[in-house]
C-alpha atoms as a PDB file:
ATOM      1  CA  MET A   1      39.767  19.345  52.435  1.00  0.00           C
ATOM      2  CA  ASN A   2      38.945  20.650  48.990  1.00  0.00           C
ATOM      3  CA  LEU A   3      39.002  18.715  45.728  1.00  0.00           C
ATOM      4  CA  LYS A   4      42.166  20.444  44.466  1.00  0.00           C
ATOM      5  CA  LYS A   5      44.202  19.229  47.473  1.00  0.00           C
ATOM      6  CA  ILE A   6      42.836  15.703  47.086  1.00  0.00           C
ATOM      7  CA  VAL A   7      43.854  15.648  43.406  1.00  0.00           C
ATOM      8  CA  TYR A   8      47.367  16.857  44.326  1.00  0.00           C
ATOM      9  CA  ILE A   9      47.659  14.173  47.019  1.00  0.00           C
ATOM     10  CA  VAL A  10      46.528  11.420  44.626  1.00  0.00           C
ATOM     11  CA  ILE A  11      48.913  12.571  41.865  1.00  0.00           C
ATOM     12  CA  GLY A  12      51.726  12.904  44.430  1.00  0.00           C
ATOM     13  CA  CYS A  13      51.146   9.360  45.699  1.00  0.00           C
ATOM     14  CA  ILE A  14      51.138   8.005  42.143  1.00  0.00           C
ATOM     15  CA  GLY A  15      54.365   9.895  41.394  1.00  0.00           C
ATOM     16  CA  LEU A  16      55.926   8.594  44.599  1.00  0.00           C
ATOM     17  CA  GLY A  17      54.925   5.016  43.771  1.00  0.00           C
ATOM     18  CA  ILE A  18      56.277   5.141  40.223  1.00  0.00           C
ATOM     19  CA  GLY A  19      59.404   6.960  41.428  1.00  0.00           C
ATOM     20  CA  ALA A  20      60.045   4.317  44.086  1.00  0.00           C
ATOM     21  CA  VAL A  21      59.727   1.581  41.465  1.00  0.00           C
ATOM     22  CA  GLY A  22      61.973   3.619  39.141  1.00  0.00           C
ATOM     23  CA  ALA A  23      64.675   3.756  41.795  1.00  0.00           C
ATOM     24  CA  VAL A  24      64.891  -0.041  41.589  1.00  0.00           C
ATOM     25  CA  VAL A  25      63.942  -0.867  37.972  1.00  0.00           C
ATOM     26  CA  PRO A  26      66.753   0.062  35.565  1.00  0.00           C
ATOM     27  CA  LEU A  27      64.721   1.421  32.627  1.00  0.00           C
ATOM     28  CA  LEU A  28      62.119   3.405  34.594  1.00  0.00           C
ATOM     29  CA  PRO A  29      63.327   6.898  35.502  1.00  0.00           C
ATOM     30  CA  ALA A  30      62.735   7.836  39.154  1.00  0.00           C
ATOM     31  CA  PHE A  31      63.757  11.500  39.016  1.00  0.00           C
ATOM     32  CA  PRO A  32      60.781  13.071  37.156  1.00  0.00           C
ATOM     33  CA  PHE A  33      58.197  11.108  39.159  1.00  0.00           C
ATOM     34  CA  LEU A  34      59.799  11.992  42.484  1.00  0.00           C
ATOM     35  CA  LEU A  35      59.961  15.627  41.413  1.00  0.00           C
ATOM     36  CA  LEU A  36      56.245  15.437  40.553  1.00  0.00           C
ATOM     37  CA  ALA A  37      55.552  13.972  44.012  1.00  0.00           C
ATOM     38  CA  ALA A  38      57.524  16.761  45.701  1.00  0.00           C
ATOM     39  CA  ILE A  39      55.603  19.438  43.809  1.00  0.00           C
ATOM     40  CA  CYS A  40      52.213  17.848  44.458  1.00  0.00           C
ATOM     41  CA  PHE A  41      52.883  17.226  48.151  1.00  0.00           C
ATOM     42  CA  GLY A  42      54.151  20.783  48.514  1.00  0.00           C
ATOM     43  CA  LYS A  43      50.900  22.137  47.047  1.00  0.00           C
ATOM     44  CA  SER A  44      48.573  19.795  48.931  1.00  0.00           C
ATOM     45  CA  SER A  45      49.763  19.282  52.494  1.00  0.00           C
ATOM     46  CA  GLU A  46      52.554  20.675  54.638  1.00  0.00           C
ATOM     47  CA  ARG A  47      52.565  17.428  56.616  1.00  0.00           C
ATOM     48  CA  LEU A  48      53.016  15.249  53.500  1.00  0.00           C
ATOM     49  CA  HIS A  49      55.642  17.612  52.106  1.00  0.00           C
ATOM     50  CA  THR A  50      57.625  17.511  55.367  1.00  0.00           C
ATOM     51  CA  TRP A  51      57.398  13.708  55.465  1.00  0.00           C
ATOM     52  CA  PHE A  52      58.462  13.347  51.807  1.00  0.00           C
ATOM     53  CA  ILE A  53      61.516  15.606  52.044  1.00  0.00           C
ATOM     54  CA  GLY A  54      62.634  13.561  55.043  1.00  0.00           C
ATOM     55  CA  THR A  55      62.651  10.262  53.127  1.00  0.00           C
ATOM     56  CA  LYS A  56      65.843   8.616  51.918  1.00  0.00           C
ATOM     57  CA  LEU A  57      64.347   8.409  48.413  1.00  0.00           C
ATOM     58  CA  TYR A  58      64.067  12.213  48.269  1.00  0.00           C
ATOM     59  CA  LYS A  59      67.464  12.850  49.830  1.00  0.00           C
ATOM     60  CA  ASN A  60      69.276  10.467  47.462  1.00  0.00           C
ATOM     61  CA  ASN A  61      67.603  11.599  44.245  1.00  0.00           C
ATOM     62  CA  LEU A  62      66.307  15.169  44.522  1.00  0.00           C
ATOM     63  CA  GLU A  63      67.487  17.116  47.536  1.00  0.00           C
ATOM     64  CA  SER A  64      70.615  18.757  46.122  1.00  0.00           C
ATOM     65  CA  TYR A  65      68.887  19.547  42.808  1.00  0.00           C
ATOM     66  CA  VAL A  66      65.791  21.083  44.420  1.00  0.00           C
ATOM     67  CA  GLN A  67      67.988  23.182  46.710  1.00  0.00           C
ATOM     68  CA  GLY A  68      69.705  24.577  43.607  1.00  0.00           C
ATOM     69  CA  ARG A  69      73.110  23.101  44.402  1.00  0.00           C
ATOM     70  CA  GLY A  70      73.267  20.601  41.549  1.00  0.00           C
ATOM     71  CA  MET A  71      73.939  16.867  41.234  1.00  0.00           C
ATOM     72  CA  THR A  72      76.905  14.562  41.544  1.00  0.00           C
ATOM     73  CA  TRP A  73      78.351  13.001  38.388  1.00  0.00           C
ATOM     74  CA  ALA A  74      77.130   9.613  39.586  1.00  0.00           C
ATOM     75  CA  THR A  75      73.537  10.868  39.775  1.00  0.00           C
ATOM     76  CA  LYS A  76      73.813  12.619  36.417  1.00  0.00           C
ATOM     77  CA  LEU A  77      75.260   9.526  34.744  1.00  0.00           C
ATOM     78  CA  ARG A  78      72.573   7.291  36.233  1.00  0.00           C
ATOM     79  CA  ILE A  79      69.795   9.558  34.935  1.00  0.00           C
ATOM     80  CA  MET A  80      71.422  10.041  31.517  1.00  0.00           C
ATOM     81  CA  THR A  81      71.957   6.281  31.122  1.00  0.00           C
ATOM     82  CA  ILE A  82      68.357   5.442  31.977  1.00  0.00           C
ATOM     83  CA  VAL A  83      66.989   8.105  29.631  1.00  0.00           C
ATOM     84  CA  THR A  84      69.367   7.050  26.852  1.00  0.00           C
ATOM     85  CA  LEU A  85      68.312   3.411  27.144  1.00  0.00           C
ATOM     86  CA  THR A  86      64.636   4.341  27.219  1.00  0.00           C
ATOM     87  CA  MET A  87      64.978   6.634  24.199  1.00  0.00           C
ATOM     88  CA  ALA A  88      66.984   3.989  22.343  1.00  0.00           C
ATOM     89  CA  VAL A  89      64.005   1.642  22.562  1.00  0.00           C
ATOM     90  CA  GLY A  90      61.784   4.342  21.054  1.00  0.00           C
ATOM     91  CA  PHE A  91      64.399   5.106  18.405  1.00  0.00           C
ATOM     92  CA  ILE A  92      64.583   1.459  17.363  1.00  0.00           C
ATOM     93  CA  MET A  93      60.799   1.151  17.250  1.00  0.00           C
ATOM     94  CA  MET A  94      60.566   4.218  14.979  1.00  0.00           C
ATOM     95  CA  SER A  95      62.525   2.631  12.153  1.00  0.00           C
ATOM     96  CA  ARG A  96      59.828   3.594   9.629  1.00  0.00           C
ATOM     97  CA  VAL A  97      59.280   7.106  11.017  1.00  0.00           C
ATOM     98  CA  PRO A  98      62.367   9.181  10.163  1.00  0.00           C
ATOM     99  CA  VAL A  99      60.837  12.441  11.444  1.00  0.00           C
ATOM    100  CA  GLY A 100      60.133  10.774  14.785  1.00  0.00           C
ATOM    101  CA  ARG A 101      63.718   9.579  14.975  1.00  0.00           C
ATOM    102  CA  ILE A 102      65.021  13.081  14.239  1.00  0.00           C
ATOM    103  CA  ILE A 103      62.820  14.604  16.948  1.00  0.00           C
ATOM    104  CA  LEU A 104      63.794  11.918  19.444  1.00  0.00           C
ATOM    105  CA  ALA A 105      67.484  12.411  18.629  1.00  0.00           C
ATOM    106  CA  CYS A 106      67.149  16.194  19.140  1.00  0.00           C
ATOM    107  CA  VAL A 107      65.435  15.669  22.512  1.00  0.00           C
ATOM    108  CA  TRP A 108      68.169  13.221  23.518  1.00  0.00           C
ATOM    109  CA  VAL A 109      70.969  15.646  22.544  1.00  0.00           C
ATOM    110  CA  PHE A 110      69.259  18.464  24.478  1.00  0.00           C
ATOM    111  CA  HIS A 111      68.923  16.160  27.477  1.00  0.00           C
ATOM    112  CA  ILE A 112      72.619  15.266  27.434  1.00  0.00           C
ATOM    113  CA  PHE A 113      73.713  18.905  27.036  1.00  0.00           C
ATOM    114  CA  TYR A 114      71.370  20.008  29.830  1.00  0.00           C
ATOM    115  CA  PHE A 115      72.663  17.435  32.287  1.00  0.00           C
ATOM    116  CA  CYS A 116      76.315  18.017  31.359  1.00  0.00           C
ATOM    117  CA  PHE A 117      76.310  21.816  31.179  1.00  0.00           C
ATOM    118  CA  GLY A 118      73.009  23.102  32.596  1.00  0.00           C
ATOM    119  CA  ILE A 119      73.097  21.450  36.010  1.00  0.00           C
ATOM    120  CA  LYS A 120      75.949  22.234  38.365  1.00  0.00           C
ATOM    121  CA  THR A 121      78.134  19.219  39.174  1.00  0.00           C
ATOM    122  CA  LEU A 122      78.812  18.553  42.842  1.00  0.00           C
ATOM    123  CA  THR A 123      81.761  16.612  44.206  1.00  0.00           C
ATOM    124  CA  GLU A 124      81.128  13.735  46.603  1.00  0.00           C
ATOM    125  CA  GLU A 125      82.825  15.695  49.430  1.00  0.00           C
ATOM    126  CA  VAL A 126      80.380  18.608  49.081  1.00  0.00           C
ATOM    127  CA  VAL A 127      77.413  16.256  49.258  1.00  0.00           C
ATOM    128  CA  GLY A 128      78.855  14.402  52.226  1.00  0.00           C
ATOM    129  CA  ASN A 129      79.448  17.601  54.224  1.00  0.00           C
ATOM    130  CA  ASP A 130      75.792  18.631  54.047  1.00  0.00           C
ATOM    131  CA  ASP A 131      74.585  15.906  56.432  1.00  0.00           C
END
């Protein structure tokens, strides 16, 4: 096994660990870390990738998005709420840095627009029929 695959496996495991914690802890986002794990496992090992895409964590948080179908409103709202709360903490802490607040506000607005209009919204029935 070469060094590149080992690095991908280590980064994937770290992403999986943080993503698993983020699925339980309200202010830690799970989605980007699980996406990182999926990418790293896909580049490092077919066996790890197959195992990961079979987990409930992957199926509940990433499967429909990675397949290009979209996300349910419940998933979108959960992600947008967590990111909004996390960014609000940063916004409050930047009280003396107006430029930082402006940049953070622009990133937040882009995030909201992207999740509302850039990602297709699935109905619960469509998601349920895929099993």
